[in-house]
Amino acid sequence: SIGDKLAIGKFCAIAEGVRFIMNGANHALSGFSTYPFNIFGGGWEKGFDPDRARSESRGDTEIGNDVWIGMEAIIMPGVKIGDGVIVAAKSVVTHDVQPYAVVAGNAGKVVKMRFDRRTVARLLEIAWWNWPIEKITRNIDAIRGGDIVRLEGSQ
């Protein structure tokens, strides 16, 4: 076991066929071959250094809050996806994605931002996903409808 973790935030929508690739699926890149000789035994496991394999780990995979991951997207190991991100269907996310970006393609690239920089900062400050459910319920129309002034003044 590599020991990496997958953390998924609140209010995420994960479509059918989405795959999270974890570090255990990676092959060591530091030698001349990436072939996993050690798993076949027969003496090939001798000299295998699990610490060396762990040292090449890309870390935990973290999905922010209110993220929508489209059908059959693939999230590679160690990727950090920010709050409010949309991952287009069939995308392969190989690098971190900033909050409220729309990422698409293979390898996934930011194709646009959902909101301007100031609005993103305001949304991250509001962090409505951390509110008690009663407060979310009272403000559901503002959350769905994009009324940031109302969200900022909510009680």
Protein backbone atom coordinates (compact mmCIF):
# COMPACT_ATOMS: atom_id res chain seq x y z
CA SER A 1 0.00 0.00 0.00
CA ILE A 2 1.27 3.44 -0.94
CA GLY A 3 -0.92 5.12 1.69
CA ASP A 4 -2.26 7.98 -0.42
CA LYS A 5 -5.76 9.27 0.15
CA LEU A 6 -8.65 10.55 -1.92
CA ALA A 7 -10.51 13.47 -0.29
CA ILE A 8 -13.76 14.69 -1.84
CA GLY A 9 -15.39 17.92 -0.66
CA LYS A 10 -19.03 18.71 0.01
CA PHE A 11 -21.75 19.10 -2.64
CA CYS A 12 -19.77 17.43 -5.44
CA ALA A 13 -21.43 15.88 -8.48
CA ILE A 14 -19.48 12.92 -9.86
CA ALA A 15 -20.87 11.46 -13.07
CA GLU A 16 -20.92 7.85 -14.20
CA GLY A 17 -17.61 6.32 -15.20
CA VAL A 18 -15.34 8.84 -13.44
CA ARG A 19 -12.05 7.23 -12.38
CA PHE A 20 -9.59 8.32 -9.76
CA ILE A 21 -6.13 6.89 -10.44
CA MET A 22 -4.14 6.52 -7.23
CA ASN A 23 -0.37 6.38 -6.75
CA GLY A 24 -0.35 2.58 -6.56
CA ALA A 25 -1.08 2.53 -10.30
CA ASN A 26 2.11 4.46 -11.06
CA HIS A 27 5.34 2.78 -12.06
CA ALA A 28 8.74 3.86 -10.78
CA LEU A 29 10.39 6.32 -13.15
CA SER A 30 13.84 6.48 -11.59
CA GLY A 31 15.24 3.29 -13.14
CA PHE A 32 15.86 2.29 -16.76
CA SER A 33 12.64 0.27 -16.88
CA THR A 34 9.18 1.07 -15.55
CA TYR A 35 8.23 -2.63 -15.57
CA PRO A 36 7.01 -3.89 -12.14
CA PHE A 37 9.38 -6.90 -11.97
CA ASN A 38 8.87 -7.33 -8.21
CA ILE A 39 5.18 -8.33 -8.45
CA PHE A 40 6.03 -11.55 -10.33
CA GLY A 41 8.23 -13.14 -7.66
CA GLY A 42 10.67 -15.79 -8.80
CA GLY A 43 13.48 -13.80 -7.22
CA TRP A 44 12.57 -10.60 -9.05
CA GLU A 45 11.15 -9.16 -5.84
CA LYS A 46 14.61 -9.23 -4.24
CA GLY A 47 16.11 -5.79 -3.97
CA PHE A 48 12.75 -4.08 -4.49
CA ASP A 49 12.73 -0.98 -2.29
CA PRO A 50 9.18 0.07 -1.31
CA ASP A 51 10.52 3.30 0.19
CA ARG A 52 11.88 4.26 -3.21
CA ALA A 53 8.47 3.61 -4.78
CA ARG A 54 6.79 5.71 -2.06
CA SER A 55 9.28 8.52 -2.62
CA GLU A 56 7.94 8.88 -6.16
CA SER A 57 4.36 9.26 -4.90
CA ARG A 58 2.56 12.35 -6.11
CA GLY A 59 0.68 12.69 -2.81
CA ASP A 60 -3.00 12.71 -1.95
CA THR A 61 -5.72 13.53 -4.45
CA GLU A 62 -8.03 16.32 -3.27
CA ILE A 63 -11.33 17.39 -4.78
CA GLY A 64 -12.71 20.70 -3.50
CA ASN A 65 -16.30 21.59 -2.65
CA ASP A 66 -19.08 22.09 -5.20
CA VAL A 67 -17.07 20.38 -7.96
CA TRP A 68 -18.75 18.80 -10.96
CA ILE A 69 -16.78 15.99 -12.61
CA GLY A 70 -18.26 14.97 -15.96
CA MET A 71 -18.83 11.49 -17.32
CA GLU A 72 -15.78 9.25 -17.79
CA ALA A 73 -13.29 11.87 -16.64
CA ILE A 74 -10.02 10.58 -15.21
CA ILE A 75 -8.29 12.27 -12.28
CA MET A 76 -4.61 11.37 -12.00
CA PRO A 77 -2.77 10.84 -8.68
CA GLY A 78 -1.89 13.78 -6.48
CA VAL A 79 -4.07 16.28 -8.33
CA LYS A 80 -5.72 19.09 -6.33
CA ILE A 81 -8.98 20.33 -7.82
CA GLY A 82 -10.21 23.62 -6.36
CA ASP A 83 -13.68 24.57 -5.17
CA GLY A 84 -16.32 25.18 -7.82
CA VAL A 85 -14.39 23.51 -10.66
CA ILE A 86 -16.13 21.89 -13.61
CA VAL A 87 -14.28 18.97 -15.24
CA ALA A 88 -15.63 18.28 -18.73
CA ALA A 89 -16.66 14.77 -19.71
CA LYS A 90 -13.82 12.45 -20.80
CA SER A 91 -11.15 14.88 -19.58
CA VAL A 92 -7.89 13.62 -18.11
CA VAL A 93 -6.83 15.90 -15.26
CA THR A 94 -3.06 15.64 -14.79
CA HIS A 95 -2.32 18.90 -12.94
CA ASP A 96 -3.86 21.00 -10.18
CA VAL A 97 -6.89 23.09 -11.14
CA GLN A 98 -7.58 26.53 -9.64
CA PRO A 99 -10.98 27.24 -8.06
CA TYR A 100 -13.92 27.93 -10.37
CA ALA A 101 -12.07 26.92 -13.54
CA VAL A 102 -13.54 24.81 -16.32
CA VAL A 103 -11.05 22.15 -17.38
CA ALA A 104 -11.35 20.02 -20.51
CA GLY A 105 -9.35 17.73 -22.75
CA ASN A 106 -6.49 15.25 -22.55
CA ALA A 107 -4.37 16.44 -20.89
CA GLY A 108 -6.92 18.69 -19.22
CA LYS A 109 -6.40 22.41 -19.63
CA VAL A 110 -8.33 25.36 -18.23
CA VAL A 111 -10.60 26.45 -21.08
CA LYS A 112 -12.27 29.26 -19.16
CA MET A 113 -13.04 30.62 -15.74
CA ARG A 114 -16.60 30.43 -14.47
CA PHE A 115 -16.40 33.90 -12.92
CA ASP A 116 -14.06 36.87 -12.78
CA ARG A 117 -11.23 36.92 -10.22
CA ARG A 118 -13.09 39.18 -7.75
CA THR A 119 -16.21 37.00 -7.78
CA VAL A 120 -14.12 33.87 -7.24
CA ALA A 121 -12.45 35.48 -4.21
CA ARG A 122 -15.86 36.46 -2.82
CA LEU A 123 -17.24 32.95 -3.31
CA LEU A 124 -14.25 31.39 -1.58
CA GLU A 125 -14.71 33.80 1.31
CA ILE A 126 -18.43 32.97 1.57
CA ALA A 127 -17.76 29.19 1.41
CA TRP A 128 -21.49 28.46 1.53
CA TRP A 129 -20.78 24.69 1.57
CA ASN A 130 -19.60 25.07 5.17
CA TRP A 131 -22.86 26.64 6.32
CA PRO A 132 -25.35 24.71 8.43
CA ILE A 133 -27.95 23.00 6.25
CA GLU A 134 -30.69 25.35 7.52
CA LYS A 135 -28.74 28.38 6.28
CA ILE A 136 -28.13 26.72 2.92
CA THR A 137 -31.86 25.99 2.68
CA ARG A 138 -32.74 29.64 3.42
CA ASN A 139 -30.31 30.79 0.73
CA ILE A 140 -30.82 28.09 -1.90
CA ASP A 141 -32.29 30.52 -4.46
CA ALA A 142 -29.28 32.84 -4.13
CA ILE A 143 -26.87 29.91 -4.43
CA ARG A 144 -28.63 28.49 -7.50
CA GLY A 145 -29.35 31.87 -9.02
CA GLY A 146 -25.95 33.50 -8.66
CA ASP A 147 -26.94 36.34 -6.30
CA ILE A 148 -23.61 36.95 -4.58
CA VAL A 149 -24.72 40.16 -2.86
CA ARG A 150 -27.54 38.25 -1.19
CA LEU A 151 -25.12 35.47 -0.18
CA GLU A 152 -22.71 37.97 1.35
CA GLY A 153 -25.54 39.51 3.37
CA SER A 154 -27.16 36.22 4.35
CA GLN A 155 -27.90 35.30 7.91
